[in-house]
Protein backbone atom coordinates (compact mmCIF):
# COMPACT_ATOMS: atom_id res chain seq x y z
CA MET A 1 18.59 41.09 -8.76
CA TYR A 2 17.24 38.26 -6.00
CA SER A 3 14.05 39.90 -5.05
CA ARG A 4 13.43 40.45 -9.07
CA LEU A 5 14.18 37.01 -9.51
CA LYS A 6 11.88 35.71 -7.05
CA ASN A 7 8.80 38.23 -7.96
CA LEU A 8 9.34 36.87 -11.40
CA LEU A 9 9.17 33.17 -10.18
CA LEU A 10 6.54 33.82 -8.41
CA LEU A 11 4.38 35.54 -11.30
CA SER A 12 5.38 32.65 -13.54
CA ILE A 13 3.65 30.05 -11.16
CA LEU A 14 0.73 32.46 -10.79
CA ILE A 15 0.20 32.12 -14.26
CA LEU A 16 0.56 28.43 -14.34
CA ILE A 17 -1.89 28.10 -11.77
CA LEU A 18 -4.36 30.42 -13.49
CA MET A 19 -3.78 28.54 -16.90
CA GLU A 20 -4.13 25.15 -15.35
CA ALA A 21 -7.49 26.60 -13.83
CA THR A 22 -8.73 27.66 -17.28
CA ALA A 23 -8.23 24.59 -18.89
CA ASN A 24 -9.73 22.82 -16.30
CA ALA A 25 -12.70 25.13 -15.81
CA SER A 26 -15.57 25.44 -18.92
CA ASN A 27 -18.99 26.63 -19.80
CA ILE A 28 -21.76 24.09 -21.09
CA ASN A 29 -25.08 25.67 -22.79
CA PHE A 30 -28.10 24.01 -23.17
CA ILE A 31 -31.73 24.37 -22.62
CA ASP A 32 -33.77 22.77 -20.14
CA LYS A 33 -37.21 20.79 -19.54
CA LEU A 34 -38.65 24.20 -19.26
CA ASN A 35 -37.31 25.86 -22.59
CA ARG A 36 -34.65 27.88 -20.52
CA LYS A 37 -31.10 28.54 -22.38
CA ILE A 38 -28.64 27.83 -19.46
CA SER A 39 -25.00 28.48 -19.30
CA ILE A 40 -22.86 26.89 -16.23
CA ASN A 41 -19.29 26.89 -15.22
CA VAL A 42 -18.24 23.34 -14.86
CA PRO A 43 -17.07 21.50 -13.17
CA VAL A 44 -19.80 22.65 -10.59
CA LYS A 45 -18.34 22.52 -6.89
CA ARG A 46 -21.29 23.31 -4.67
CA ALA A 47 -24.57 21.77 -6.01
CA VAL A 48 -27.92 21.07 -4.64
CA ILE A 49 -29.92 18.00 -5.88
CA VAL A 50 -33.44 17.67 -5.22
CA ILE A 51 -34.66 14.85 -7.57
CA THR A 52 -31.66 12.96 -8.84
CA TYR A 53 -30.01 11.95 -5.47
CA GLU A 54 -29.65 8.59 -6.62
CA LEU A 55 -26.81 9.61 -9.12
CA ILE A 56 -25.08 11.33 -6.20
CA PRO A 57 -23.65 7.94 -5.22
CA ALA A 58 -23.47 6.41 -8.64
CA LEU A 59 -21.18 9.47 -10.36
CA ASN A 60 -19.41 9.69 -6.45
CA ILE A 61 -19.92 13.81 -6.25
CA TRP A 62 -20.68 13.52 -2.54
CA ASP A 63 -18.26 16.18 -2.03
CA ARG A 64 -20.03 18.45 -4.59
CA ILE A 65 -23.15 18.41 -3.05
CA ILE A 66 -24.07 20.89 -0.10
CA GLY A 67 -27.71 20.11 0.11
CA VAL A 68 -30.52 17.36 -0.84
CA SER A 69 -34.51 16.79 -0.93
CA ARG A 70 -35.68 15.56 2.11
CA TRP A 71 -37.14 12.55 0.07
CA ALA A 72 -33.32 11.27 -0.19
CA GLU A 73 -33.26 9.78 3.28
CA GLU A 74 -36.94 9.70 4.10
CA GLU A 75 -38.15 7.24 0.86
CA CYS A 76 -34.82 6.02 -0.65
CA GLY A 77 -33.19 3.01 0.88
CA LEU A 78 -30.10 3.34 -1.26
CA TYR A 79 -29.47 6.53 -0.22
CA LYS A 80 -30.15 5.70 3.56
CA ALA A 81 -27.86 2.57 3.11
CA LEU A 82 -24.98 4.90 2.00
CA ILE A 83 -25.18 7.72 4.76
CA ILE A 84 -25.79 4.91 7.55
CA GLU A 85 -22.60 3.48 6.57
CA ASN A 86 -20.69 7.03 6.03
CA PRO A 87 -22.73 9.64 8.30
CA SER A 88 -20.20 12.35 6.61
CA TYR A 89 -22.39 12.34 3.57
CA ILE A 90 -25.31 13.46 5.17
CA ARG A 91 -26.10 16.60 4.06
CA PRO A 92 -28.80 19.83 4.91
CA LYS A 93 -32.09 19.06 3.77
CA ILE A 94 -33.93 21.53 1.41
CA GLY A 95 -37.41 20.30 1.58
CA THR A 96 -38.73 17.81 -0.96
CA GLY A 97 -39.26 17.97 -4.87
CA THR A 98 -42.85 19.20 -4.27
CA ASP A 99 -42.37 21.37 -1.45
CA ILE A 100 -38.95 23.02 -1.79
CA ASN A 101 -37.50 25.54 0.97
CA ALA A 102 -36.39 28.15 -1.64
CA GLU A 103 -35.16 30.38 1.05
CA SER A 104 -33.05 27.20 2.57
CA ILE A 105 -31.53 26.67 -0.82
CA VAL A 106 -30.65 30.55 -0.88
CA LYS A 107 -28.74 30.24 2.39
CA LEU A 108 -26.42 27.92 1.19
CA ASN A 109 -25.56 29.91 -1.96
CA PRO A 110 -24.79 26.91 -4.50
CA ASP A 111 -23.64 27.40 -7.80
CA LEU A 112 -26.19 24.82 -9.09
CA ILE A 113 -29.26 23.52 -8.10
CA ILE A 114 -30.89 20.59 -10.49
CA THR A 115 -34.76 19.92 -9.51
CA TRP A 116 -37.67 18.42 -11.71
CA THR A 117 -40.31 21.34 -13.15
CA TYR A 118 -43.35 20.22 -11.02
CA ASN A 119 -43.07 23.58 -9.49
CA PRO A 120 -41.97 26.15 -11.98
CA GLU A 121 -42.72 28.99 -9.98
CA VAL A 122 -39.84 27.96 -7.23
CA ILE A 123 -36.92 27.65 -10.41
CA TYR A 124 -37.89 30.75 -11.25
CA PHE A 125 -37.99 32.35 -7.87
CA LEU A 126 -34.48 30.78 -7.56
CA GLU A 127 -33.34 32.09 -11.11
CA LYS A 128 -34.64 35.59 -10.14
CA ARG A 129 -32.28 35.64 -7.14
CA GLY A 130 -29.25 34.90 -9.22
CA LEU A 131 -28.79 31.04 -9.08
CA ASN A 132 -28.64 28.65 -11.36
CA VAL A 133 -31.34 25.95 -11.97
CA ILE A 134 -31.67 23.16 -14.24
CA GLY A 135 -35.29 22.02 -14.61
CA ILE A 136 -35.29 18.13 -15.45
CA TYR A 137 -38.48 15.57 -16.23
CA PRO A 138 -37.27 12.49 -18.29
CA GLU A 139 -40.44 11.43 -20.54
CA SER A 140 -38.53 8.28 -21.82
CA LEU A 141 -35.23 6.08 -21.41
CA LYS A 142 -32.91 8.20 -24.04
CA GLU A 143 -34.17 11.68 -21.78
CA LEU A 144 -32.88 9.87 -18.70
CA TYR A 145 -29.80 9.06 -20.45
CA ASP A 146 -29.37 12.58 -21.12
CA VAL A 147 -30.02 13.81 -17.80
CA ILE A 148 -27.26 11.50 -16.54
CA LYS A 149 -24.85 12.34 -19.02
CA LEU A 150 -25.69 16.08 -18.36
CA HIS A 151 -25.10 15.54 -14.78
CA GLY A 152 -21.99 14.00 -15.97
CA LYS A 153 -20.72 17.10 -18.09
CA VAL A 154 -22.08 19.57 -15.05
CA PHE A 155 -19.38 17.29 -12.34
CA GLY A 156 -16.45 16.81 -14.66
CA LYS A 157 -17.83 12.97 -14.69
CA GLU A 158 -18.57 12.12 -18.14
CA ARG A 159 -16.71 8.70 -18.51
CA ARG A 160 -18.16 7.38 -15.23
CA ALA A 161 -21.77 8.80 -16.38
CA ASN A 162 -21.29 6.65 -19.57
CA GLU A 163 -19.78 3.65 -17.51
CA ILE A 164 -23.42 4.20 -16.00
CA ILE A 165 -25.47 3.73 -18.73
CA PHE A 166 -23.60 0.80 -20.33
CA GLU A 167 -24.30 -1.32 -17.16
CA MET A 168 -27.87 -0.31 -17.50
CA ASP A 169 -28.13 -1.10 -20.93
CA LYS A 170 -26.72 -4.70 -20.25
CA ILE A 171 -29.68 -5.55 -17.96
CA LEU A 172 -32.41 -3.88 -20.59
CA LYS A 173 -30.38 -5.97 -23.06
CA LEU A 174 -30.76 -9.17 -21.38
CA ILE A 175 -34.16 -8.53 -20.92
CA LYS A 176 -34.84 -7.59 -24.95
CA ASP A 177 -33.25 -10.64 -25.93
CA ARG A 178 -35.04 -12.94 -23.54
CA VAL A 179 -38.73 -11.76 -24.69
CA LYS A 180 -38.09 -11.77 -28.26
CA LYS A 181 -39.49 -14.71 -28.83
CA ILE A 182 -42.55 -14.46 -27.07
CA GLN A 183 -45.05 -14.79 -30.06
CA PRO A 184 -47.51 -11.90 -29.94
CA GLU A 185 -50.42 -13.39 -29.34
CA LYS A 186 -48.49 -14.63 -25.96
CA ARG A 187 -47.59 -11.31 -24.86
CA LYS A 188 -49.36 -10.30 -21.48
CA LYS A 189 -51.28 -6.68 -20.86
CA VAL A 190 -49.76 -5.22 -18.11
CA LEU A 191 -51.03 -1.96 -16.34
CA HIS A 192 -49.36 0.06 -13.84
CA VAL A 193 -51.19 2.29 -11.45
CA VAL A 194 -50.39 4.95 -9.40
CA HIS A 195 -51.85 7.15 -6.37
CA THR A 196 -55.30 5.55 -6.89
CA PRO A 197 -55.95 2.31 -8.45
CA THR A 198 -57.53 4.06 -11.34
CA ARG A 199 -55.08 6.43 -12.08
CA VAL A 200 -52.65 4.58 -14.83
CA SER A 201 -49.58 4.89 -16.56
CA ALA A 202 -50.25 6.10 -20.06
CA GLY A 203 -48.50 6.45 -23.49
CA ILE A 204 -45.99 9.18 -22.45
CA GLY A 205 -43.19 8.61 -19.90
CA ILE A 206 -40.40 5.67 -19.14
CA THR A 207 -42.73 3.30 -17.44
CA ASN A 208 -44.73 2.76 -20.55
CA GLU A 209 -41.49 2.15 -22.07
CA MET A 210 -40.28 -0.27 -19.43
CA ILE A 211 -43.21 -2.47 -20.24
CA LYS A 212 -42.86 -2.58 -24.10
CA ILE A 213 -39.21 -3.38 -23.05
CA MET A 214 -39.94 -6.38 -20.95
CA GLY A 215 -42.55 -7.57 -23.88
CA ALA A 216 -45.70 -6.83 -22.88
CA ILE A 217 -48.53 -4.43 -23.65
CA ASN A 218 -49.77 -1.44 -21.82
CA PRO A 219 -53.48 -0.86 -22.85
CA ALA A 220 -53.18 2.73 -21.68
CA GLU A 221 -50.77 3.37 -24.25
CA ILE A 222 -53.18 4.50 -26.44
CA ILE A 223 -53.43 7.63 -24.40
CA ASN A 224 -51.45 10.48 -25.37
CA ASN A 225 -50.64 11.83 -21.76
CA ASN A 226 -48.31 10.37 -19.03
CA PHE A 227 -51.13 9.42 -16.55
CA ILE A 228 -54.90 8.82 -16.88
CA GLU A 229 -57.82 8.33 -14.86
CA ILE A 230 -59.64 5.50 -16.05
CA SER A 231 -63.18 4.17 -15.48
CA MET A 232 -64.18 0.78 -14.11
CA GLU A 233 -65.72 0.00 -17.16
CA LYS A 234 -62.60 1.03 -19.33
CA LEU A 235 -60.54 -1.18 -17.00
CA PHE A 236 -62.89 -4.40 -17.30
CA GLU A 237 -62.54 -3.49 -21.08
CA TRP A 238 -58.53 -3.79 -20.96
CA ASN A 239 -58.92 -6.60 -18.50
CA PRO A 240 -54.81 -6.83 -17.62
CA ASP A 241 -53.11 -10.04 -17.19
CA VAL A 242 -50.53 -8.41 -14.75
CA ILE A 243 -51.03 -5.08 -12.60
CA PHE A 244 -48.01 -3.33 -11.14
CA ILE A 245 -48.85 -0.71 -8.32
CA TRP A 246 -46.43 2.41 -8.29
CA GLY A 247 -43.77 2.00 -5.30
CA ASN A 248 -44.87 4.89 -3.21
CA ALA A 249 -48.67 4.52 -3.73
CA GLY A 250 -50.03 4.55 0.03
CA TYR A 251 -51.75 1.12 -1.16
CA ASP A 252 -50.73 -2.67 -1.73
CA GLU A 253 -52.63 -5.78 -3.47
CA SER A 254 -54.96 -6.07 -0.55
CA LEU A 255 -56.61 -2.84 -1.60
CA LEU A 256 -57.39 -4.83 -4.88
CA TYR A 257 -57.82 -8.50 -3.97
CA ASN A 258 -60.62 -7.22 -1.09
CA ASN A 259 -62.43 -5.25 -3.20
CA SER A 260 -65.70 -7.10 -5.17
CA GLN A 261 -65.40 -4.73 -8.16
CA TRP A 262 -61.93 -5.63 -9.02
CA SER A 263 -62.50 -9.37 -8.61
CA GLN A 264 -63.39 -10.05 -12.13
CA ILE A 265 -60.10 -8.42 -13.44
CA LYS A 266 -57.90 -11.23 -14.73
CA ALA A 267 -55.01 -9.72 -12.90
CA VAL A 268 -56.87 -9.74 -9.47
CA LYS A 269 -58.65 -13.36 -10.20
CA ASN A 270 -55.03 -14.88 -10.64
CA ARG A 271 -53.47 -13.00 -7.88
CA GLU A 272 -50.90 -11.02 -10.41
CA VAL A 273 -50.93 -7.90 -8.62
CA TYR A 274 -47.85 -6.51 -7.38
CA LYS A 275 -46.78 -3.70 -5.14
CA LEU A 276 -43.02 -2.62 -6.57
CA PRO A 277 -40.23 -1.54 -4.47
CA LYS A 278 -39.53 2.57 -3.83
CA TRP A 279 -36.93 2.90 -6.84
CA SER A 280 -36.87 5.81 -8.47
CA THR A 281 -37.32 5.20 -12.42
CA TRP A 282 -35.60 8.18 -13.04
CA SER A 283 -32.04 6.67 -11.54
CA PRO A 284 -29.97 4.02 -12.85
CA ARG A 285 -31.92 1.53 -10.73
CA VAL A 286 -34.79 1.91 -13.88
CA ALA A 287 -33.02 -1.15 -15.36
CA PRO A 288 -33.12 -3.49 -12.58
CA ILE A 289 -36.82 -2.53 -11.57
CA THR A 290 -37.71 -3.38 -15.40
CA LEU A 291 -36.46 -6.87 -15.00
CA TYR A 292 -38.12 -7.27 -11.74
CA MET A 293 -41.39 -6.54 -13.54
CA ALA A 294 -40.28 -8.87 -16.38
CA MET A 295 -39.79 -11.56 -14.50
CA LYS A 296 -42.87 -11.06 -12.71
CA VAL A 297 -44.93 -11.02 -16.22
CA TYR A 298 -42.99 -13.84 -17.60
CA PRO A 299 -41.54 -15.97 -15.33
CA GLU A 300 -40.93 -18.85 -17.30
CA VAL A 301 -38.81 -16.89 -19.51
CA PHE A 302 -36.24 -15.78 -16.55
CA ASN A 303 -36.74 -18.97 -14.05
CA ASP A 304 -33.09 -20.04 -14.61
CA LEU A 305 -32.37 -16.22 -13.60
CA ASN A 306 -31.15 -15.13 -10.16
CA PHE A 307 -32.71 -11.74 -9.63
CA GLU A 308 -30.81 -11.37 -6.67
CA LYS A 309 -27.41 -11.58 -7.99
CA VAL A 310 -27.88 -10.04 -11.04
CA VAL A 311 -29.23 -6.50 -8.96
CA ASP A 312 -26.16 -6.97 -6.82
CA GLU A 313 -23.80 -6.79 -9.29
CA PHE A 314 -25.38 -3.78 -10.79
CA TYR A 315 -25.17 -2.13 -7.57
CA LYS A 316 -22.06 -2.86 -6.75
CA LYS A 317 -20.62 -1.58 -10.13
CA VAL A 318 -22.98 1.20 -10.07
CA PHE A 319 -23.27 2.53 -6.57
CA GLY A 320 -20.59 1.03 -4.89
CA ILE A 321 -22.88 -0.99 -2.28
CA SER A 322 -24.30 -4.27 -2.52
CA TYR A 323 -27.92 -4.95 -2.84
CA TYR A 324 -28.26 -6.63 0.49
CA LYS A 325 -27.18 -3.86 2.37
CA VAL A 326 -29.74 -1.54 0.60
CA ARG A 327 -32.56 -4.02 0.77
CA GLN A 328 -32.85 -3.86 4.62
CA TYR A 329 -33.77 -0.11 4.46
CA GLU A 330 -36.37 -0.65 2.04
CA GLY A 331 -38.86 -2.75 3.63
CA TYR A 332 -38.60 -5.20 0.80
């Protein structure tokens, strides 16, 4: 009798455990940027993050990550600061976003890989080996917010994802509220240049939306593309007031200031060319970098604002680390 009761008790406990596991686990279905239908069992426990590694600290999902892009440690001061303070956060490297080591990922046997759609062949290669892969490429703030929310669903951090978006919106609202009083004729023309000074961010993409939020005009917005190579003639025609250089570009302001061809461009003539920090626009940091740009374009509108104080508060709330600690690892 005792043995039978004991077995019944063990069976009851096992049923309760299974019921709890079932209640805490479910499937989400969605279509990714490559128009692939994907079904993921959540919350994910073992993931490889190739491109959205700034969401690892934001969502506090270190215990779910088993591999990251090499770019995380080499290019991201935020990530670098966090792993230096917490060496236990260091994870195996699986190449970069443009050169993923698919075989390394297969060996890690993750439940999920999140990467961008730059190299679809790698995604299909991993998919054929039975691995779940999400391909992302946010081209608007809405799509970026959707990516953050997707990470929240995948890792069981939906509430935290909404908190992150709330903090981003606070900064973006601050910018919008200040620049809305600028008269149309006083709005400045702003160009964002990338790999080369004549390759500019055009009408599709988060950068164009950032320029709009800061109350400026992107002359390249008329071009329905992410990026476009332009001629010097077109550059003279647009004659931007301010030029921003992509943070990862292999050149800085001096290239434009020391080039006689550029000397008559208003932004160059007035020394209003700025190399941006290496902050990803595919992360919550798109909000503070928009503020940084807005303060350069319209300093008179933000002259009472302490940029570092605003960003430090944002970093602490979103990433759990001070901006001042991160800055020393960004060469900025």
